[in-house]
Amino acid sequence: MYVFVLNYDDSCPDLNFKAENAVAASRDVLFSLENENQKRIEQCAWSAYSKKKKISGLKKSKYQIRLEVNGIFIQQDVLYLRVVFENKSKINYDIDQFRFFIRDKRKSKRTASQEIELEPLYATSSSSVIPYKSEIIKVYALEKFTIPENKYLTIQMIEKNGGRNLELDINNNLTNLVFPISELSSDTF
């Protein structure tokens, strides 16, 4: 195994570089364009963070902890969910897991159910602590998706070494709540 330190160069026209090993046969190494898209995703996420447009009704409160989605935005094939975390308790909330699922609606016990986990492409903050008596806002970028009729989106937050776990369910009317980021360019915070 070899380690290479690479730096991006705008003026470099080549995307393919040949890495040769004296023992093994040479082969081409391809660098994808995902990093270019990552920068655009980051910019759109921060744009969604600062927009005034809000939605209501997508929240769950329990144990003096509030989890709320107050903005859903789209730019090309990426959805941006603006999530508000509020801790009204006197104890810090350490997030162990924060996950997104598309789940089947509740069925009888004998039927198989399906869960599809959605991995975020980007989050505006990597902080995993919600300090006591505070509110934090994060934007999560997810690949574009729609929710089928008999399914819903679940946002799950699990506390590390604790039992204050929250789940927020969003029905399949998600498309009615989405704002395109390009149409909001005149908004400021």
C-alpha atoms as a PDB file:
ATOM      1  CA  MET A   1       0.000   0.000   0.000  1.00  0.00           C
ATOM      2  CA  TYR A   2       1.274   3.448  -0.910  1.00  0.00           C
ATOM      3  CA  VAL A   3       0.253   6.862   0.362  1.00  0.00           C
ATOM      4  CA  PHE A   4       0.226   9.874  -1.966  1.00  0.00           C
ATOM      5  CA  VAL A   5      -0.292  13.502  -0.985  1.00  0.00           C
ATOM      6  CA  LEU A   6      -2.257  15.241  -3.732  1.00  0.00           C
ATOM      7  CA  ASN A   7      -3.147  18.887  -4.183  1.00  0.00           C
ATOM      8  CA  TYR A   8      -5.800  20.241  -6.521  1.00  0.00           C
ATOM      9  CA  ASP A   9      -4.562  22.327  -9.454  1.00  0.00           C
ATOM     10  CA  ASP A  10      -7.076  24.270 -11.632  1.00  0.00           C
ATOM     11  CA  SER A  11      -4.678  24.419 -14.549  1.00  0.00           C
ATOM     12  CA  CYS A  12      -4.073  20.651 -14.729  1.00  0.00           C
ATOM     13  CA  PRO A  13      -5.931  19.253 -17.773  1.00  0.00           C
ATOM     14  CA  ASP A  14      -5.253  15.579 -16.919  1.00  0.00           C
ATOM     15  CA  LEU A  15      -7.670  13.604 -14.770  1.00  0.00           C
ATOM     16  CA  ASN A  16      -5.857  10.290 -15.280  1.00  0.00           C
ATOM     17  CA  PHE A  17      -2.465   9.588 -13.754  1.00  0.00           C
ATOM     18  CA  LYS A  18      -0.501   6.410 -14.093  1.00  0.00           C
ATOM     19  CA  ALA A  19       0.777   4.969 -10.805  1.00  0.00           C
ATOM     20  CA  GLU A  20       3.512   2.427 -11.351  1.00  0.00           C
ATOM     21  CA  ASN A  21       4.835  -0.211  -8.999  1.00  0.00           C
ATOM     22  CA  ALA A  22       8.148  -1.956  -9.685  1.00  0.00           C
ATOM     23  CA  VAL A  23       6.708  -5.337  -8.643  1.00  0.00           C
ATOM     24  CA  ALA A  24       3.136  -5.151  -9.912  1.00  0.00           C
ATOM     25  CA  ALA A  25       1.982  -4.265 -13.403  1.00  0.00           C
ATOM     26  CA  SER A  26       1.050  -0.623 -13.965  1.00  0.00           C
ATOM     27  CA  ARG A  27      -2.584   0.458 -14.033  1.00  0.00           C
ATOM     28  CA  ASP A  28      -4.480   3.720 -14.446  1.00  0.00           C
ATOM     29  CA  VAL A  29      -5.798   5.651 -11.470  1.00  0.00           C
ATOM     30  CA  LEU A  30      -8.916   7.774 -12.065  1.00  0.00           C
ATOM     31  CA  PHE A  31      -9.813  10.711  -9.840  1.00  0.00           C
ATOM     32  CA  SER A  32     -13.542  11.403  -9.909  1.00  0.00           C
ATOM     33  CA  LEU A  33     -15.231  14.803 -10.032  1.00  0.00           C
ATOM     34  CA  GLU A  34     -17.079  14.215  -6.728  1.00  0.00           C
ATOM     35  CA  ASN A  35     -14.936  16.804  -4.906  1.00  0.00           C
ATOM     36  CA  GLU A  36     -16.136  19.500  -7.322  1.00  0.00           C
ATOM     37  CA  ASN A  37     -19.734  18.542  -6.555  1.00  0.00           C
ATOM     38  CA  GLN A  38     -18.954  18.464  -2.831  1.00  0.00           C
ATOM     39  CA  LYS A  39     -18.076  22.170  -2.868  1.00  0.00           C
ATOM     40  CA  ARG A  40     -21.387  23.003  -4.595  1.00  0.00           C
ATOM     41  CA  ILE A  41     -23.268  20.887  -2.036  1.00  0.00           C
ATOM     42  CA  GLU A  42     -21.539  22.731   0.818  1.00  0.00           C
ATOM     43  CA  GLN A  43     -22.415  26.129  -0.673  1.00  0.00           C
ATOM     44  CA  CYS A  44     -26.066  25.143  -1.167  1.00  0.00           C
ATOM     45  CA  ALA A  45     -26.250  23.748   2.379  1.00  0.00           C
ATOM     46  CA  TRP A  46     -25.062  27.049   3.829  1.00  0.00           C
ATOM     47  CA  SER A  47     -27.504  28.863   1.561  1.00  0.00           C
ATOM     48  CA  ALA A  48     -30.354  26.684   2.906  1.00  0.00           C
ATOM     49  CA  TYR A  49     -29.110  27.394   6.433  1.00  0.00           C
ATOM     50  CA  SER A  50     -29.517  31.144   5.989  1.00  0.00           C
ATOM     51  CA  LYS A  51     -32.859  31.253   4.141  1.00  0.00           C
ATOM     52  CA  LYS A  52     -35.887  32.838   5.784  1.00  0.00           C
ATOM     53  CA  LYS A  53     -38.389  30.386   4.267  1.00  0.00           C
ATOM     54  CA  LYS A  54     -39.738  28.055   6.936  1.00  0.00           C
ATOM     55  CA  ILE A  55     -42.200  25.234   7.257  1.00  0.00           C
ATOM     56  CA  SER A  56     -44.025  24.213  10.410  1.00  0.00           C
ATOM     57  CA  GLY A  57     -45.575  21.121  11.880  1.00  0.00           C
ATOM     58  CA  LEU A  58     -42.574  18.809  11.466  1.00  0.00           C
ATOM     59  CA  LYS A  59     -41.368  18.523  15.045  1.00  0.00           C
ATOM     60  CA  LYS A  60     -41.138  16.139  17.959  1.00  0.00           C
ATOM     61  CA  SER A  61     -40.540  17.084  21.600  1.00  0.00           C
ATOM     62  CA  LYS A  62     -39.865  14.734  24.487  1.00  0.00           C
ATOM     63  CA  TYR A  63     -37.654  14.769  27.607  1.00  0.00           C
ATOM     64  CA  GLN A  64     -37.161  18.553  27.186  1.00  0.00           C
ATOM     65  CA  ILE A  65     -35.477  17.860  23.823  1.00  0.00           C
ATOM     66  CA  ARG A  66     -36.962  19.184  20.569  1.00  0.00           C
ATOM     67  CA  LEU A  67     -36.196  17.938  17.065  1.00  0.00           C
ATOM     68  CA  GLU A  68     -37.700  20.005  14.237  1.00  0.00           C
ATOM     69  CA  VAL A  69     -37.366  20.180  10.466  1.00  0.00           C
ATOM     70  CA  ASN A  70     -38.171  23.815   9.645  1.00  0.00           C
ATOM     71  CA  GLY A  71     -36.961  23.950   6.049  1.00  0.00           C
ATOM     72  CA  ILE A  72     -36.680  21.574   3.107  1.00  0.00           C
ATOM     73  CA  PHE A  73     -34.878  22.844   0.015  1.00  0.00           C
ATOM     74  CA  ILE A  74     -33.749  21.360  -3.287  1.00  0.00           C
ATOM     75  CA  GLN A  75     -30.993  22.188  -5.753  1.00  0.00           C
ATOM     76  CA  GLN A  76     -30.611  19.867  -8.742  1.00  0.00           C
ATOM     77  CA  ASP A  77     -30.596  16.295  -7.342  1.00  0.00           C
ATOM     78  CA  VAL A  78     -29.913  17.126  -3.700  1.00  0.00           C
ATOM     79  CA  LEU A  79     -32.420  17.755  -0.897  1.00  0.00           C
ATOM     80  CA  TYR A  80     -31.369  19.961   2.022  1.00  0.00           C
ATOM     81  CA  LEU A  81     -33.153  19.481   5.347  1.00  0.00           C
ATOM     82  CA  ARG A  82     -32.710  22.277   7.894  1.00  0.00           C
ATOM     83  CA  VAL A  83     -32.976  20.652  11.324  1.00  0.00           C
ATOM     84  CA  VAL A  84     -33.318  22.476  14.643  1.00  0.00           C
ATOM     85  CA  PHE A  85     -32.124  20.778  17.824  1.00  0.00           C
ATOM     86  CA  GLU A  86     -33.197  22.324  21.129  1.00  0.00           C
ATOM     87  CA  ASN A  87     -32.165  21.171  24.588  1.00  0.00           C
ATOM     88  CA  LYS A  88     -34.248  22.755  27.373  1.00  0.00           C
ATOM     89  CA  SER A  89     -32.906  20.392  30.036  1.00  0.00           C
ATOM     90  CA  LYS A  90     -30.004  21.014  32.412  1.00  0.00           C
ATOM     91  CA  ILE A  91     -27.986  18.104  30.973  1.00  0.00           C
ATOM     92  CA  ASN A  92     -26.037  18.144  27.694  1.00  0.00           C
ATOM     93  CA  TYR A  93     -27.464  15.859  25.010  1.00  0.00           C
ATOM     94  CA  ASP A  94     -24.725  13.745  23.388  1.00  0.00           C
ATOM     95  CA  ILE A  95     -25.887  12.451  19.993  1.00  0.00           C
ATOM     96  CA  ASP A  96     -24.790   8.863  19.424  1.00  0.00           C
ATOM     97  CA  GLN A  97     -26.678   8.319  16.163  1.00  0.00           C
ATOM     98  CA  PHE A  98     -28.603  10.627  13.846  1.00  0.00           C
ATOM     99  CA  ARG A  99     -30.156   8.701  10.961  1.00  0.00           C
ATOM    100  CA  PHE A 100     -32.662   9.031   8.118  1.00  0.00           C
ATOM    101  CA  PHE A 101     -34.893   6.124   7.036  1.00  0.00           C
ATOM    102  CA  ILE A 102     -37.667   5.494   4.555  1.00  0.00           C
ATOM    103  CA  ARG A 103     -39.976   3.025   6.314  1.00  0.00           C
ATOM    104  CA  ASP A 104     -43.165   1.155   5.621  1.00  0.00           C
ATOM    105  CA  LYS A 105     -46.234   2.435   7.426  1.00  0.00           C
ATOM    106  CA  ARG A 106     -47.251   0.276  10.353  1.00  0.00           C
ATOM    107  CA  LYS A 107     -48.457  -3.154   9.246  1.00  0.00           C
ATOM    108  CA  SER A 108     -49.618  -6.223  11.117  1.00  0.00           C
ATOM    109  CA  LYS A 109     -46.959  -8.182  13.013  1.00  0.00           C
ATOM    110  CA  ARG A 110     -46.795 -11.004  10.470  1.00  0.00           C
ATOM    111  CA  THR A 111     -45.886  -8.845   7.490  1.00  0.00           C
ATOM    112  CA  ALA A 112     -42.324  -8.072   6.540  1.00  0.00           C
ATOM    113  CA  SER A 113     -41.412  -4.410   6.684  1.00  0.00           C
ATOM    114  CA  GLN A 114     -38.661  -2.622   4.847  1.00  0.00           C
ATOM    115  CA  GLU A 115     -36.314   0.126   6.003  1.00  0.00           C
ATOM    116  CA  ILE A 116     -34.045   2.002   3.626  1.00  0.00           C
ATOM    117  CA  GLU A 117     -31.396   4.109   5.341  1.00  0.00           C
ATOM    118  CA  LEU A 118     -30.420   7.378   3.640  1.00  0.00           C
ATOM    119  CA  GLU A 119     -26.825   8.503   4.150  1.00  0.00           C
ATOM    120  CA  PRO A 120     -26.277  12.278   4.280  1.00  0.00           C
ATOM    121  CA  LEU A 121     -23.917  13.647   1.635  1.00  0.00           C
ATOM    122  CA  TYR A 122     -22.973  16.579   3.857  1.00  0.00           C
ATOM    123  CA  ALA A 123     -23.837  18.209   7.189  1.00  0.00           C
ATOM    124  CA  THR A 124     -23.081  21.843   8.067  1.00  0.00           C
ATOM    125  CA  SER A 125     -21.677  20.850  11.451  1.00  0.00           C
ATOM    126  CA  SER A 126     -20.082  17.708  12.815  1.00  0.00           C
ATOM    127  CA  SER A 127     -20.853  18.613  16.433  1.00  0.00           C
ATOM    128  CA  SER A 128     -22.479  15.735  18.282  1.00  0.00           C
ATOM    129  CA  VAL A 129     -23.397  17.628  21.460  1.00  0.00           C
ATOM    130  CA  ILE A 130     -26.432  19.813  22.092  1.00  0.00           C
ATOM    131  CA  PRO A 131     -25.415  21.890  25.118  1.00  0.00           C
ATOM    132  CA  TYR A 132     -27.987  22.355  27.877  1.00  0.00           C
ATOM    133  CA  LYS A 133     -30.366  25.292  27.517  1.00  0.00           C
ATOM    134  CA  SER A 134     -29.411  25.854  23.858  1.00  0.00           C
ATOM    135  CA  GLU A 135     -30.581  25.543  20.260  1.00  0.00           C
ATOM    136  CA  ILE A 136     -28.500  24.347  17.311  1.00  0.00           C
ATOM    137  CA  ILE A 137     -29.391  24.447  13.599  1.00  0.00           C
ATOM    138  CA  LYS A 138     -27.831  22.062  11.070  1.00  0.00           C
ATOM    139  CA  VAL A 139     -28.485  21.395   7.399  1.00  0.00           C
ATOM    140  CA  TYR A 140     -28.233  17.859   6.052  1.00  0.00           C
ATOM    141  CA  ALA A 141     -27.784  17.232   2.324  1.00  0.00           C
ATOM    142  CA  LEU A 142     -29.384  14.022   1.019  1.00  0.00           C
ATOM    143  CA  GLU A 143     -29.685  12.567  -2.452  1.00  0.00           C
ATOM    144  CA  LYS A 144     -33.043  13.519  -3.974  1.00  0.00           C
ATOM    145  CA  PHE A 145     -35.821  11.111  -3.031  1.00  0.00           C
ATOM    146  CA  THR A 146     -39.593  10.926  -2.856  1.00  0.00           C
ATOM    147  CA  ILE A 147     -41.666   9.019  -0.343  1.00  0.00           C
ATOM    148  CA  PRO A 148     -44.043   6.388  -1.771  1.00  0.00           C
ATOM    149  CA  GLU A 149     -47.688   6.371  -0.659  1.00  0.00           C
ATOM    150  CA  ASN A 150     -47.426   3.618   1.967  1.00  0.00           C
ATOM    151  CA  LYS A 151     -44.131   4.824   3.441  1.00  0.00           C
ATOM    152  CA  TYR A 152     -42.770   7.726   5.465  1.00  0.00           C
ATOM    153  CA  LEU A 153     -39.435   9.366   6.264  1.00  0.00           C
ATOM    154  CA  THR A 154     -38.168   8.822   9.809  1.00  0.00           C
ATOM    155  CA  ILE A 155     -35.484  10.990  11.365  1.00  0.00           C
ATOM    156  CA  GLN A 156     -34.014   9.171  14.355  1.00  0.00           C
ATOM    157  CA  MET A 157     -31.856  10.725  17.069  1.00  0.00           C
ATOM    158  CA  ILE A 158     -30.336   8.431  19.719  1.00  0.00           C
ATOM    159  CA  GLU A 159     -28.580   9.695  22.829  1.00  0.00           C
ATOM    160  CA  LYS A 160     -25.191   8.300  23.784  1.00  0.00           C
ATOM    161  CA  ASN A 161     -25.383   6.460  27.130  1.00  0.00           C
ATOM    162  CA  GLY A 162     -28.943   7.667  27.632  1.00  0.00           C
ATOM    163  CA  GLY A 163     -32.569   7.025  26.919  1.00  0.00           C
ATOM    164  CA  ARG A 164     -33.764  10.369  25.535  1.00  0.00           C
ATOM    165  CA  ASN A 165     -34.293   9.058  22.000  1.00  0.00           C
ATOM    166  CA  LEU A 166     -36.511  10.845  19.467  1.00  0.00           C
ATOM    167  CA  GLU A 167     -38.063   9.850  16.139  1.00  0.00           C
ATOM    168  CA  LEU A 168     -39.716  12.329  13.796  1.00  0.00           C
ATOM    169  CA  ASP A 169     -41.942  10.936  11.029  1.00  0.00           C
ATOM    170  CA  ILE A 170     -42.663  12.850   7.810  1.00  0.00           C
ATOM    171  CA  ASN A 171     -45.471  11.644   5.529  1.00  0.00           C
ATOM    172  CA  ASN A 172     -45.320  11.387   1.757  1.00  0.00           C
ATOM    173  CA  ASN A 173     -46.492  15.016   1.247  1.00  0.00           C
ATOM    174  CA  LEU A 174     -42.825  16.062   1.312  1.00  0.00           C
ATOM    175  CA  THR A 175     -42.988  17.446  -2.240  1.00  0.00           C
ATOM    176  CA  ASN A 176     -45.475  20.138  -1.118  1.00  0.00           C
ATOM    177  CA  LEU A 177     -42.966  21.434   1.461  1.00  0.00           C
ATOM    178  CA  VAL A 178     -39.863  21.797  -0.721  1.00  0.00           C
ATOM    179  CA  PHE A 179     -38.465  25.181  -1.811  1.00  0.00           C
ATOM    180  CA  PRO A 180     -35.956  25.394  -4.688  1.00  0.00           C
ATOM    181  CA  ILE A 181     -32.778  27.136  -3.514  1.00  0.00           C
ATOM    182  CA  SER A 182     -32.406  29.081  -6.789  1.00  0.00           C
ATOM    183  CA  GLU A 183     -35.801  30.766  -6.269  1.00  0.00           C
ATOM    184  CA  LEU A 184     -34.740  31.892  -2.798  1.00  0.00           C
ATOM    185  CA  SER A 185     -31.558  33.681  -3.853  1.00  0.00           C
ATOM    186  CA  SER A 186     -32.986  37.096  -2.957  1.00  0.00           C
ATOM    187  CA  ASP A 187     -33.649  36.060   0.684  1.00  0.00           C
ATOM    188  CA  THR A 188     -31.220  37.077   3.355  1.00  0.00           C
ATOM    189  CA  PHE A 189     -31.094  36.143   6.986  1.00  0.00           C
END
